[in-house]
Amino acid sequence: MQVIKTVLLIEELALSIQIITECLNEANINVLSAQTLVEATRLIETSLEICDLVVICACLKSNSPNTQHLVRHIIAKDFNKPIIANTAIPEDARILIEAGATHESTRGDVIDFIFTLLDRV
């Protein structure tokens, strides 16, 4: 029996959520998504334990990184699985890496990177 994986996707762009979700769903991977800090915090509190990987955008409804505290919160909940900082701006990804994200990816490569990391989980 195949174990179904679950990804927590924290991303502000609806189109990105749609594309990533469709690609992952085709591979029988569940996606929980949040577009705001409030939604992300709620999903971290209620569903993090079922997640195999977290993808987090550096900027939610902001022009500068504002999700570092979410990364720290995820780590504080003893989440020891991959956390991908997903952004188009390398400097923003580094801020999330400094906060504790384990990997970084560009928007165009994130789907393939998710598949690679889930094969290791």
PDB file of N, CA and C in Angstrom:
ATOM      1  N   MET A   1       0.847  -1.198   0.000  1.00  0.00           N
ATOM      2  CA  MET A   1       0.000   0.000   0.000  1.00  0.00           C
ATOM      3  C   MET A   1       0.884   1.250   0.000  1.00  0.00           C
ATOM      4  N   GLN A   2       0.601   2.173  -0.902  1.00  0.00           N
ATOM      5  CA  GLN A   2       1.370   3.401  -0.994  1.00  0.00           C
ATOM      6  C   GLN A   2       0.928   4.381   0.082  1.00  0.00           C
ATOM      7  N   VAL A   3       1.909   4.955   0.767  1.00  0.00           N
ATOM      8  CA  VAL A   3       1.622   5.969   1.770  1.00  0.00           C
ATOM      9  C   VAL A   3       1.433   7.300   1.052  1.00  0.00           C
ATOM     10  N   ILE A   4       0.333   7.954   1.313  1.00  0.00           N
ATOM     11  CA  ILE A   4       0.061   9.248   0.691  1.00  0.00           C
ATOM     12  C   ILE A   4       0.766  10.328   1.504  1.00  0.00           C
ATOM     13  N   LYS A   5       1.492  11.169   0.812  1.00  0.00           N
ATOM     14  CA  LYS A   5       2.233  12.271   1.440  1.00  0.00           C
ATOM     15  C   LYS A   5       1.360  13.517   1.460  1.00  0.00           C
ATOM     16  N   THR A   6       1.690  14.424   2.374  1.00  0.00           N
ATOM     17  CA  THR A   6       0.975  15.692   2.494  1.00  0.00           C
ATOM     18  C   THR A   6       1.977  16.831   2.548  1.00  0.00           C
ATOM     19  N   VAL A   7       1.698  17.871   1.782  1.00  0.00           N
ATOM     20  CA  VAL A   7       2.534  19.072   1.728  1.00  0.00           C
ATOM     21  C   VAL A   7       1.735  20.251   2.258  1.00  0.00           C
ATOM     22  N   LEU A   8       2.367  21.037   3.122  1.00  0.00           N
ATOM     23  CA  LEU A   8       1.793  22.311   3.552  1.00  0.00           C
ATOM     24  C   LEU A   8       2.407  23.389   2.668  1.00  0.00           C
ATOM     25  N   LEU A   9       1.567  24.061   1.894  1.00  0.00           N
ATOM     26  CA  LEU A   9       2.000  25.086   0.950  1.00  0.00           C
ATOM     27  C   LEU A   9       1.537  26.449   1.446  1.00  0.00           C
ATOM     28  N   ILE A  10       2.497  27.297   1.804  1.00  0.00           N
ATOM     29  CA  ILE A  10       2.205  28.653   2.271  1.00  0.00           C
ATOM     30  C   ILE A  10       2.678  29.591   1.167  1.00  0.00           C
ATOM     31  N   GLU A  11       1.718  30.141   0.433  1.00  0.00           N
ATOM     32  CA  GLU A  11       2.016  30.887  -0.796  1.00  0.00           C
ATOM     33  C   GLU A  11       0.924  31.927  -1.028  1.00  0.00           C
ATOM     34  N   GLU A  12       1.314  33.126  -1.384  1.00  0.00           N
ATOM     35  CA  GLU A  12       0.315  34.179  -1.581  1.00  0.00           C
ATOM     36  C   GLU A  12      -0.330  34.174  -2.961  1.00  0.00           C
ATOM     37  N   LEU A  13       0.337  33.633  -3.957  1.00  0.00           N
ATOM     38  CA  LEU A  13      -0.181  33.692  -5.321  1.00  0.00           C
ATOM     39  C   LEU A  13      -1.134  32.537  -5.613  1.00  0.00           C
ATOM     40  N   ALA A  14      -2.374  32.864  -5.903  1.00  0.00           N
ATOM     41  CA  ALA A  14      -3.390  31.837  -6.161  1.00  0.00           C
ATOM     42  C   ALA A  14      -3.009  30.952  -7.345  1.00  0.00           C
ATOM     43  N   LEU A  15      -2.439  31.526  -8.380  1.00  0.00           N
ATOM     44  CA  LEU A  15      -2.049  30.735  -9.546  1.00  0.00           C
ATOM     45  C   LEU A  15      -0.952  29.734  -9.183  1.00  0.00           C
ATOM     46  N   SER A  16       0.003  30.142  -8.377  1.00  0.00           N
ATOM     47  CA  SER A  16       1.056  29.217  -7.927  1.00  0.00           C
ATOM     48  C   SER A  16       0.458  28.081  -7.113  1.00  0.00           C
ATOM     49  N   ILE A  17      -0.469  28.411  -6.236  1.00  0.00           N
ATOM     50  CA  ILE A  17      -1.129  27.378  -5.437  1.00  0.00           C
ATOM     51  C   ILE A  17      -1.848  26.397  -6.354  1.00  0.00           C
ATOM     52  N   GLN A  18      -2.562  26.918  -7.339  1.00  0.00           N
ATOM     53  CA  GLN A  18      -3.312  26.065  -8.261  1.00  0.00           C
ATOM     54  C   GLN A  18      -2.377  25.133  -9.035  1.00  0.00           C
ATOM     55  N   ILE A  19      -1.315  25.675  -9.595  1.00  0.00           N
ATOM     56  CA  ILE A  19      -0.393  24.869 -10.400  1.00  0.00           C
ATOM     57  C   ILE A  19       0.294  23.811  -9.548  1.00  0.00           C
ATOM     58  N   ILE A  20       0.819  24.206  -8.401  1.00  0.00           N
ATOM     59  CA  ILE A  20       1.517  23.258  -7.528  1.00  0.00           C
ATOM     60  C   ILE A  20       0.558  22.182  -7.040  1.00  0.00           C
ATOM     61  N   THR A  21      -0.630  22.592  -6.625  1.00  0.00           N
ATOM     62  CA  THR A  21      -1.615  21.637  -6.121  1.00  0.00           C
ATOM     63  C   THR A  21      -2.017  20.635  -7.200  1.00  0.00           C
ATOM     64  N   GLU A  22      -2.284  21.110  -8.403  1.00  0.00           N
ATOM     65  CA  GLU A  22      -2.672  20.197  -9.486  1.00  0.00           C
ATOM     66  C   GLU A  22      -1.567  19.192  -9.786  1.00  0.00           C
ATOM     67  N   CYS A  23      -0.328  19.657  -9.863  1.00  0.00           N
ATOM     68  CA  CYS A  23       0.793  18.748 -10.158  1.00  0.00           C
ATOM     69  C   CYS A  23       0.978  17.718  -9.050  1.00  0.00           C
ATOM     70  N   LEU A  24       0.894  18.154  -7.805  1.00  0.00           N
ATOM     71  CA  LEU A  24       1.092  17.226  -6.690  1.00  0.00           C
ATOM     72  C   LEU A  24      -0.087  16.273  -6.554  1.00  0.00           C
ATOM     73  N   ASN A  25      -1.297  16.779  -6.743  1.00  0.00           N
ATOM     74  CA  ASN A  25      -2.472  15.904  -6.662  1.00  0.00           C
ATOM     75  C   ASN A  25      -2.430  14.794  -7.703  1.00  0.00           C
ATOM     76  N   GLU A  26      -1.908  15.099  -8.909  1.00  0.00           N
ATOM     77  CA  GLU A  26      -1.777  14.080  -9.945  1.00  0.00           C
ATOM     78  C   GLU A  26      -0.854  12.943  -9.508  1.00  0.00           C
ATOM     79  N   ALA A  27       0.040  13.241  -8.585  1.00  0.00           N
ATOM     80  CA  ALA A  27       0.961  12.230  -8.058  1.00  0.00           C
ATOM     81  C   ALA A  27       0.470  11.672  -6.718  1.00  0.00           C
ATOM     82  N   ASN A  28      -0.805  11.884  -6.416  1.00  0.00           N
ATOM     83  CA  ASN A  28      -1.419  11.411  -5.167  1.00  0.00           C
ATOM     84  C   ASN A  28      -0.767  12.005  -3.923  1.00  0.00           C
ATOM     85  N   ILE A  29      -0.398  13.270  -4.022  1.00  0.00           N
ATOM     86  CA  ILE A  29       0.144  14.000  -2.885  1.00  0.00           C
ATOM     87  C   ILE A  29      -0.892  15.037  -2.475  1.00  0.00           C
ATOM     88  N   ASN A  30      -1.279  15.013  -1.216  1.00  0.00           N
ATOM     89  CA  ASN A  30      -2.243  15.979  -0.689  1.00  0.00           C
ATOM     90  C   ASN A  30      -1.562  17.327  -0.478  1.00  0.00           C
ATOM     91  N   VAL A  31      -2.310  18.398  -0.666  1.00  0.00           N
ATOM     92  CA  VAL A  31      -1.791  19.743  -0.442  1.00  0.00           C
ATOM     93  C   VAL A  31      -2.752  20.502   0.463  1.00  0.00           C
ATOM     94  N   LEU A  32      -2.213  21.046   1.536  1.00  0.00           N
ATOM     95  CA  LEU A  32      -2.934  21.982   2.389  1.00  0.00           C
ATOM     96  C   LEU A  32      -2.330  23.340   2.080  1.00  0.00           C
ATOM     97  N   SER A  33      -3.148  24.339   1.781  1.00  0.00           N
ATOM     98  CA  SER A  33      -2.579  25.620   1.376  1.00  0.00           C
ATOM     99  C   SER A  33      -3.121  26.777   2.194  1.00  0.00           C
ATOM    100  N   ALA A  34      -2.249  27.789   2.310  1.00  0.00           N
ATOM    101  CA  ALA A  34      -2.602  29.024   3.005  1.00  0.00           C
ATOM    102  C   ALA A  34      -2.048  30.193   2.216  1.00  0.00           C
ATOM    103  N   GLN A  35      -2.840  31.260   2.114  1.00  0.00           N
ATOM    104  CA  GLN A  35      -2.419  32.461   1.392  1.00  0.00           C
ATOM    105  C   GLN A  35      -2.137  33.643   2.307  1.00  0.00           C
ATOM    106  N   THR A  36      -2.453  33.524   3.575  1.00  0.00           N
ATOM    107  CA  THR A  36      -2.238  34.625   4.511  1.00  0.00           C
ATOM    108  C   THR A  36      -1.518  34.119   5.753  1.00  0.00           C
ATOM    109  N   LEU A  37      -0.990  35.053   6.523  1.00  0.00           N
ATOM    110  CA  LEU A  37      -0.323  34.687   7.771  1.00  0.00           C
ATOM    111  C   LEU A  37      -1.296  34.012   8.734  1.00  0.00           C
ATOM    112  N   VAL A  38      -2.525  34.496   8.785  1.00  0.00           N
ATOM    113  CA  VAL A  38      -3.528  33.919   9.679  1.00  0.00           C
ATOM    114  C   VAL A  38      -3.853  32.480   9.265  1.00  0.00           C
ATOM    115  N   GLU A  39      -4.097  32.267   7.966  1.00  0.00           N
ATOM    116  CA  GLU A  39      -4.377  30.903   7.488  1.00  0.00           C
ATOM    117  C   GLU A  39      -3.194  29.982   7.736  1.00  0.00           C
ATOM    118  N   ALA A  40      -1.988  30.481   7.496  1.00  0.00           N
ATOM    119  CA  ALA A  40      -0.793  29.668   7.697  1.00  0.00           C
ATOM    120  C   ALA A  40      -0.638  29.270   9.164  1.00  0.00           C
ATOM    121  N   THR A  41      -0.847  30.209  10.048  1.00  0.00           N
ATOM    122  CA  THR A  41      -0.736  29.916  11.474  1.00  0.00           C
ATOM    123  C   THR A  41      -1.766  28.868  11.894  1.00  0.00           C
ATOM    124  N   ARG A  42      -2.986  28.994  11.368  1.00  0.00           N
ATOM    125  CA  ARG A  42      -4.029  28.020  11.702  1.00  0.00           C
ATOM    126  C   ARG A  42      -3.648  26.622  11.228  1.00  0.00           C
ATOM    127  N   LEU A  43      -3.149  26.504  10.012  1.00  0.00           N
ATOM    128  CA  LEU A  43      -2.777  25.187   9.501  1.00  0.00           C
ATOM    129  C   LEU A  43      -1.575  24.610  10.241  1.00  0.00           C
ATOM    130  N   ILE A  44      -0.635  25.467  10.621  1.00  0.00           N
ATOM    131  CA  ILE A  44       0.498  24.985  11.414  1.00  0.00           C
ATOM    132  C   ILE A  44      -0.001  24.415  12.734  1.00  0.00           C
ATOM    133  N   GLU A  45      -0.946  25.086  13.341  1.00  0.00           N
ATOM    134  CA  GLU A  45      -1.479  24.637  14.637  1.00  0.00           C
ATOM    135  C   GLU A  45      -2.328  23.369  14.512  1.00  0.00           C
ATOM    136  N   THR A  46      -3.077  23.248  13.428  1.00  0.00           N
ATOM    137  CA  THR A  46      -4.041  22.145  13.342  1.00  0.00           C
ATOM    138  C   THR A  46      -3.580  20.953  12.511  1.00  0.00           C
ATOM    139  N   SER A  47      -2.623  21.148  11.614  1.00  0.00           N
ATOM    140  CA  SER A  47      -2.336  20.086  10.649  1.00  0.00           C
ATOM    141  C   SER A  47      -0.863  19.777  10.419  1.00  0.00           C
ATOM    142  N   LEU A  48       0.033  20.454  11.082  1.00  0.00           N
ATOM    143  CA  LEU A  48       1.456  20.258  10.827  1.00  0.00           C
ATOM    144  C   LEU A  48       1.892  18.815  11.036  1.00  0.00           C
ATOM    145  N   GLU A  49       1.298  18.149  12.017  1.00  0.00           N
ATOM    146  CA  GLU A  49       1.724  16.776  12.348  1.00  0.00           C
ATOM    147  C   GLU A  49       1.471  15.783  11.218  1.00  0.00           C
ATOM    148  N   ILE A  50       0.586  16.093  10.291  1.00  0.00           N
ATOM    149  CA  ILE A  50       0.335  15.167   9.176  1.00  0.00           C
ATOM    150  C   ILE A  50       1.138  15.529   7.929  1.00  0.00           C
ATOM    151  N   CYS A  51       1.923  16.603   8.003  1.00  0.00           N
ATOM    152  CA  CYS A  51       2.670  17.073   6.838  1.00  0.00           C
ATOM    153  C   CYS A  51       4.036  16.403   6.743  1.00  0.00           C
ATOM    154  N   ASP A  52       4.437  16.135   5.516  1.00  0.00           N
ATOM    155  CA  ASP A  52       5.735  15.538   5.239  1.00  0.00           C
ATOM    156  C   ASP A  52       6.746  16.574   4.764  1.00  0.00           C
ATOM    157  N   LEU A  53       6.259  17.750   4.430  1.00  0.00           N
ATOM    158  CA  LEU A  53       7.117  18.788   3.887  1.00  0.00           C
ATOM    159  C   LEU A  53       6.347  20.100   3.925  1.00  0.00           C
ATOM    160  N   VAL A  54       7.074  21.205   4.117  1.00  0.00           N
ATOM    161  CA  VAL A  54       6.467  22.539   4.088  1.00  0.00           C
ATOM    162  C   VAL A  54       7.161  23.358   3.005  1.00  0.00           C
ATOM    163  N   VAL A  55       6.355  24.034   2.196  1.00  0.00           N
ATOM    164  CA  VAL A  55       6.858  25.003   1.217  1.00  0.00           C
ATOM    165  C   VAL A  55       6.351  26.355   1.673  1.00  0.00           C
ATOM    166  N   ILE A  56       7.272  27.303   1.859  1.00  0.00           N
ATOM    167  CA  ILE A  56       6.857  28.594   2.386  1.00  0.00           C
ATOM    168  C   ILE A  56       7.447  29.738   1.566  1.00  0.00           C
ATOM    169  N   CYS A  57       6.591  30.617   1.145  1.00  0.00           N
ATOM    170  CA  CYS A  57       6.965  31.828   0.424  1.00  0.00           C
ATOM    171  C   CYS A  57       7.496  32.834   1.450  1.00  0.00           C
ATOM    172  N   ALA A  58       8.484  33.611   1.061  1.00  0.00           N
ATOM    173  CA  ALA A  58       9.072  34.569   1.998  1.00  0.00           C
ATOM    174  C   ALA A  58       8.152  35.746   2.300  1.00  0.00           C
ATOM    175  N   CYS A  59       7.346  36.136   1.328  1.00  0.00           N
ATOM    176  CA  CYS A  59       6.529  37.340   1.475  1.00  0.00           C
ATOM    177  C   CYS A  59       5.053  37.022   1.256  1.00  0.00           C
ATOM    178  N   LEU A  60       4.267  37.135   2.292  1.00  0.00           N
ATOM    179  CA  LEU A  60       2.822  36.954   2.170  1.00  0.00           C
ATOM    180  C   LEU A  60       2.157  38.312   2.288  1.00  0.00           C
ATOM    181  N   LYS A  61       1.539  38.743   1.192  1.00  0.00           N
ATOM    182  CA  LYS A  61       0.837  40.029   1.154  1.00  0.00           C
ATOM    183  C   LYS A  61       1.755  41.163   1.621  1.00  0.00           C
ATOM    184  N   SER A  62       3.025  41.085   1.200  1.00  0.00           N
ATOM    185  CA  SER A  62       4.026  42.061   1.610  1.00  0.00           C
ATOM    186  C   SER A  62       5.093  42.139   0.523  1.00  0.00           C
ATOM    187  N   ASN A  63       5.789  43.267   0.465  1.00  0.00           N
ATOM    188  CA  ASN A  63       6.895  43.406  -0.482  1.00  0.00           C
ATOM    189  C   ASN A  63       8.233  43.052   0.134  1.00  0.00           C
ATOM    190  N   SER A  64       8.229  42.668   1.400  1.00  0.00           N
ATOM    191  CA  SER A  64       9.461  42.258   2.064  1.00  0.00           C
ATOM    192  C   SER A  64       9.178  40.994   2.868  1.00  0.00           C
ATOM    193  N   PRO A  65      10.212  40.213   3.161  1.00  0.00           N
ATOM    194  CA  PRO A  65      10.005  38.954   3.884  1.00  0.00           C
ATOM    195  C   PRO A  65       9.271  39.168   5.211  1.00  0.00           C
ATOM    196  N   ASN A  66       8.237  38.343   5.427  1.00  0.00           N
ATOM    197  CA  ASN A  66       7.469  38.465   6.669  1.00  0.00           C
ATOM    198  C   ASN A  66       7.025  37.101   7.208  1.00  0.00           C
ATOM    199  N   THR A  67       7.665  36.034   6.748  1.00  0.00           N
ATOM    200  CA  THR A  67       7.252  34.702   7.198  1.00  0.00           C
ATOM    201  C   THR A  67       8.309  33.996   8.049  1.00  0.00           C
ATOM    202  N   GLN A  68       9.353  34.713   8.429  1.00  0.00           N
ATOM    203  CA  GLN A  68      10.403  34.101   9.250  1.00  0.00           C
ATOM    204  C   GLN A  68       9.839  33.529  10.540  1.00  0.00           C
ATOM    205  N   HIS A  69       8.920  34.257  11.158  1.00  0.00           N
ATOM    206  CA  HIS A  69       8.355  33.773  12.420  1.00  0.00           C
ATOM    207  C   HIS A  69       7.583  32.469  12.219  1.00  0.00           C
ATOM    208  N   LEU A  70       6.997  32.277  11.036  1.00  0.00           N
ATOM    209  CA  LEU A  70       6.303  31.015  10.759  1.00  0.00           C
ATOM    210  C   LEU A  70       7.299  29.863  10.699  1.00  0.00           C
ATOM    211  N   VAL A  71       8.444  30.094  10.074  1.00  0.00           N
ATOM    212  CA  VAL A  71       9.483  29.057  10.025  1.00  0.00           C
ATOM    213  C   VAL A  71       9.923  28.705  11.442  1.00  0.00           C
ATOM    214  N   ARG A  72      10.185  29.714  12.248  1.00  0.00           N
ATOM    215  CA  ARG A  72      10.598  29.460  13.642  1.00  0.00           C
ATOM    216  C   ARG A  72       9.510  28.720  14.419  1.00  0.00           C
ATOM    217  N   HIS A  73       8.251  29.066  14.174  1.00  0.00           N
ATOM    218  CA  HIS A  73       7.128  28.407  14.843  1.00  0.00           C
ATOM    219  C   HIS A  73       7.041  26.935  14.444  1.00  0.00           C
ATOM    220  N   ILE A  74       7.239  26.655  13.158  1.00  0.00           N
ATOM    221  CA  ILE A  74       7.223  25.266  12.669  1.00  0.00           C
ATOM    222  C   ILE A  74       8.321  24.455  13.354  1.00  0.00           C
ATOM    223  N   ILE A  75       9.508  25.019  13.433  1.00  0.00           N
ATOM    224  CA  ILE A  75      10.631  24.332  14.067  1.00  0.00           C
ATOM    225  C   ILE A  75      10.366  24.139  15.557  1.00  0.00           C
ATOM    226  N   ALA A  76       9.780  25.120  16.203  1.00  0.00           N
ATOM    227  CA  ALA A  76       9.476  25.023  17.631  1.00  0.00           C
ATOM    228  C   ALA A  76       8.486  23.902  17.924  1.00  0.00           C
ATOM    229  N   LYS A  77       7.716  23.506  16.917  1.00  0.00           N
ATOM    230  CA  LYS A  77       6.763  22.407  17.085  1.00  0.00           C
ATOM    231  C   LYS A  77       7.435  21.060  16.780  1.00  0.00           C
ATOM    232  N   ASP A  78       8.769  21.041  16.771  1.00  0.00           N
ATOM    233  CA  ASP A  78       9.578  19.830  16.550  1.00  0.00           C
ATOM    234  C   ASP A  78       9.348  19.206  15.182  1.00  0.00           C
ATOM    235  N   PHE A  79       9.094  20.027  14.194  1.00  0.00           N
ATOM    236  CA  PHE A  79       8.964  19.549  12.815  1.00  0.00           C
ATOM    237  C   PHE A  79      10.370  19.315  12.288  1.00  0.00           C
ATOM    238  N   ASN A  80      10.699  18.071  11.993  1.00  0.00           N
ATOM    239  CA  ASN A  80      12.062  17.746  11.567  1.00  0.00           C
ATOM    240  C   ASN A  80      12.108  17.220  10.128  1.00  0.00           C
ATOM    241  N   LYS A  81      11.200  17.712   9.323  1.00  0.00           N
ATOM    242  CA  LYS A  81      11.124  17.338   7.911  1.00  0.00           C
ATOM    243  C   LYS A  81      11.475  18.568   7.075  1.00  0.00           C
ATOM    244  N   PRO A  82      11.592  18.413   5.763  1.00  0.00           N
ATOM    245  CA  PRO A  82      12.015  19.542   4.932  1.00  0.00           C
ATOM    246  C   PRO A  82      11.084  20.755   4.989  1.00  0.00           C
ATOM    247  N   ILE A  83      11.722  21.920   5.031  1.00  0.00           N
ATOM    248  CA  ILE A  83      11.033  23.205   4.924  1.00  0.00           C
ATOM    249  C   ILE A  83      11.712  23.942   3.773  1.00  0.00           C
ATOM    250  N   ILE A  84      10.975  24.168   2.697  1.00  0.00           N
ATOM    251  CA  ILE A  84      11.535  24.816   1.510  1.00  0.00           C
ATOM    252  C   ILE A  84      11.161  26.295   1.497  1.00  0.00           C
ATOM    253  N   ALA A  85      12.172  27.155   1.458  1.00  0.00           N
ATOM    254  CA  ALA A  85      11.965  28.583   1.233  1.00  0.00           C
ATOM    255  C   ALA A  85      11.797  28.764  -0.270  1.00  0.00           C
ATOM    256  N   ASN A  86      10.615  29.136  -0.698  1.00  0.00           N
ATOM    257  CA  ASN A  86      10.280  29.216  -2.121  1.00  0.00           C
ATOM    258  C   ASN A  86      10.067  30.669  -2.509  1.00  0.00           C
ATOM    259  N   THR A  87      10.993  31.204  -3.278  1.00  0.00           N
ATOM    260  CA  THR A  87      10.900  32.609  -3.643  1.00  0.00           C
ATOM    261  C   THR A  87      11.686  32.875  -4.916  1.00  0.00           C
ATOM    262  N   ALA A  88      11.373  33.957  -5.570  1.00  0.00           N
ATOM    263  CA  ALA A  88      12.103  34.353  -6.771  1.00  0.00           C
ATOM    264  C   ALA A  88      13.340  35.184  -6.439  1.00  0.00           C
ATOM    265  N   ILE A  89      13.451  35.613  -5.189  1.00  0.00           N
ATOM    266  CA  ILE A  89      14.537  36.513  -4.791  1.00  0.00           C
ATOM    267  C   ILE A  89      15.472  35.781  -3.819  1.00  0.00           C
ATOM    268  N   PRO A  90      16.700  35.487  -4.234  1.00  0.00           N
ATOM    269  CA  PRO A  90      17.628  34.727  -3.395  1.00  0.00           C
ATOM    270  C   PRO A  90      17.852  35.329  -2.002  1.00  0.00           C
ATOM    271  N   GLU A  91      17.888  36.650  -1.912  1.00  0.00           N
ATOM    272  CA  GLU A  91      18.094  37.288  -0.611  1.00  0.00           C
ATOM    273  C   GLU A  91      16.942  36.973   0.347  1.00  0.00           C
ATOM    274  N   ASP A  92      15.718  36.905  -0.182  1.00  0.00           N
ATOM    275  CA  ASP A  92      14.562  36.566   0.650  1.00  0.00           C
ATOM    276  C   ASP A  92      14.649  35.121   1.129  1.00  0.00           C
ATOM    277  N   ALA A  93      15.094  34.232   0.248  1.00  0.00           N
ATOM    278  CA  ALA A  93      15.243  32.825   0.639  1.00  0.00           C
ATOM    279  C   ALA A  93      16.265  32.698   1.762  1.00  0.00           C
ATOM    280  N   ARG A  94      17.348  33.450   1.687  1.00  0.00           N
ATOM    281  CA  ARG A  94      18.380  33.376   2.725  1.00  0.00           C
ATOM    282  C   ARG A  94      17.836  33.793   4.088  1.00  0.00           C
ATOM    283  N   ILE A  95      16.925  34.733   4.086  1.00  0.00           N
ATOM    284  CA  ILE A  95      16.318  35.161   5.361  1.00  0.00           C
ATOM    285  C   ILE A  95      15.556  33.991   5.983  1.00  0.00           C
ATOM    286  N   LEU A  96      14.839  33.228   5.161  1.00  0.00           N
ATOM    287  CA  LEU A  96      14.111  32.068   5.690  1.00  0.00           C
ATOM    288  C   LEU A  96      15.065  30.945   6.077  1.00  0.00           C
ATOM    289  N   ILE A  97      16.161  30.787   5.349  1.00  0.00           N
ATOM    290  CA  ILE A  97      17.170  29.791   5.721  1.00  0.00           C
ATOM    291  C   ILE A  97      17.757  30.161   7.086  1.00  0.00           C
ATOM    292  N   GLU A  98      18.054  31.426   7.296  1.00  0.00           N
ATOM    293  CA  GLU A  98      18.574  31.877   8.593  1.00  0.00           C
ATOM    294  C   GLU A  98      17.561  31.638   9.711  1.00  0.00           C
ATOM    295  N   ALA A  99      16.267  31.690   9.378  1.00  0.00           N
ATOM    296  CA  ALA A  99      15.220  31.443  10.378  1.00  0.00           C
ATOM    297  C   ALA A  99      15.055  29.951  10.654  1.00  0.00           C
ATOM    298  N   GLY A 100      15.613  29.089   9.761  1.00  0.00           N
ATOM    299  CA  GLY A 100      15.550  27.658  10.010  1.00  0.00           C
ATOM    300  C   GLY A 100      15.046  26.796   8.871  1.00  0.00           C
ATOM    301  N   ALA A 101      14.646  27.403   7.743  1.00  0.00           N
ATOM    302  CA  ALA A 101      14.244  26.585   6.592  1.00  0.00           C
ATOM    303  C   ALA A 101      15.427  25.714   6.180  1.00  0.00           C
ATOM    304  N   THR A 102      15.136  24.504   5.742  1.00  0.00           N
ATOM    305  CA  THR A 102      16.200  23.551   5.442  1.00  0.00           C
ATOM    306  C   THR A 102      16.676  23.602   3.999  1.00  0.00           C
ATOM    307  N   HIS A 103      15.854  24.145   3.105  1.00  0.00           N
ATOM    308  CA  HIS A 103      16.180  24.185   1.686  1.00  0.00           C
ATOM    309  C   HIS A 103      15.634  25.469   1.078  1.00  0.00           C
ATOM    310  N   GLU A 104      16.165  25.811  -0.096  1.00  0.00           N
ATOM    311  CA  GLU A 104      15.589  26.926  -0.850  1.00  0.00           C
ATOM    312  C   GLU A 104      15.388  26.495  -2.290  1.00  0.00           C
ATOM    313  N   SER A 105      14.393  27.098  -2.923  1.00  0.00           N
ATOM    314  CA  SER A 105      14.080  26.771  -4.306  1.00  0.00           C
ATOM    315  C   SER A 105      13.515  27.994  -4.996  1.00  0.00           C
ATOM    316  N   THR A 106      13.718  28.044  -6.288  1.00  0.00           N
ATOM    317  CA  THR A 106      13.085  29.097  -7.073  1.00  0.00           C
ATOM    318  C   THR A 106      11.673  28.647  -7.416  1.00  0.00           C
ATOM    319  N   ARG A 107      10.830  29.581  -7.742  1.00  0.00           N
ATOM    320  CA  ARG A 107       9.435  29.260  -8.067  1.00  0.00           C
ATOM    321  C   ARG A 107       9.331  28.254  -9.208  1.00  0.00           C
ATOM    322  N   GLY A 108      10.181  28.381 -10.212  1.00  0.00           N
ATOM    323  CA  GLY A 108      10.099  27.501 -11.367  1.00  0.00           C
ATOM    324  C   GLY A 108      10.562  26.073 -11.110  1.00  0.00           C
ATOM    325  N   ASP A 109      11.357  25.874 -10.074  1.00  0.00           N
ATOM    326  CA  ASP A 109      11.918  24.548  -9.784  1.00  0.00           C
ATOM    327  C   ASP A 109      11.262  23.845  -8.606  1.00  0.00           C
ATOM    328  N   VAL A 110      10.353  24.505  -7.934  1.00  0.00           N
ATOM    329  CA  VAL A 110       9.873  23.973  -6.660  1.00  0.00           C
ATOM    330  C   VAL A 110       9.126  22.648  -6.798  1.00  0.00           C
ATOM    331  N   ILE A 111       8.365  22.450  -7.846  1.00  0.00           N
ATOM    332  CA  ILE A 111       7.607  21.198  -7.977  1.00  0.00           C
ATOM    333  C   ILE A 111       8.550  20.011  -8.087  1.00  0.00           C
ATOM    334  N   ASP A 112       9.545  20.112  -8.948  1.00  0.00           N
ATOM    335  CA  ASP A 112      10.518  19.024  -9.067  1.00  0.00           C
ATOM    336  C   ASP A 112      11.265  18.817  -7.754  1.00  0.00           C
ATOM    337  N   PHE A 113      11.579  19.901  -7.079  1.00  0.00           N
ATOM    338  CA  PHE A 113      12.296  19.806  -5.806  1.00  0.00           C
ATOM    339  C   PHE A 113      11.432  19.118  -4.742  1.00  0.00           C
ATOM    340  N   ILE A 114      10.149  19.417  -4.713  1.00  0.00           N
ATOM    341  CA  ILE A 114       9.233  18.738  -3.788  1.00  0.00           C
ATOM    342  C   ILE A 114       9.257  17.235  -4.036  1.00  0.00           C
ATOM    343  N   PHE A 115       9.141  16.843  -5.297  1.00  0.00           N
ATOM    344  CA  PHE A 115       9.166  15.402  -5.624  1.00  0.00           C
ATOM    345  C   PHE A 115      10.479  14.767  -5.164  1.00  0.00           C
ATOM    346  N   THR A 116      11.587  15.445  -5.392  1.00  0.00           N
ATOM    347  CA  THR A 116      12.896  14.922  -4.975  1.00  0.00           C
ATOM    348  C   THR A 116      12.948  14.736  -3.462  1.00  0.00           C
ATOM    349  N   LEU A 117      12.527  15.747  -2.723  1.00  0.00           N
ATOM    350  CA  LEU A 117      12.599  15.667  -1.263  1.00  0.00           C
ATOM    351  C   LEU A 117      11.608  14.645  -0.702  1.00  0.00           C
ATOM    352  N   LEU A 118      10.422  14.557  -1.267  1.00  0.00           N
ATOM    353  CA  LEU A 118       9.446  13.581  -0.761  1.00  0.00           C
ATOM    354  C   LEU A 118       9.916  12.145  -0.977  1.00  0.00           C
ATOM    355  N   ASP A 119      10.700  11.930  -2.006  1.00  0.00           N
ATOM    356  CA  ASP A 119      11.267  10.576  -2.218  1.00  0.00           C
ATOM    357  C   ASP A 119      12.225  10.203  -1.089  1.00  0.00           C
ATOM    358  N   ARG A 120      12.778  11.210  -0.408  1.00  0.00           N
ATOM    359  CA  ARG A 120      13.735  10.973   0.686  1.00  0.00           C
ATOM    360  C   ARG A 120      13.061  10.871   2.043  1.00  0.00           C
ATOM    361  N   VAL A 121      11.825  11.375   2.158  1.00  0.00           N
ATOM    362  CA  VAL A 121      11.136  11.404   3.457  1.00  0.00           C
ATOM    363  C   VAL A 121      10.606  10.027   3.794  1.00  0.00           C
TER     364      VAL A 121
END
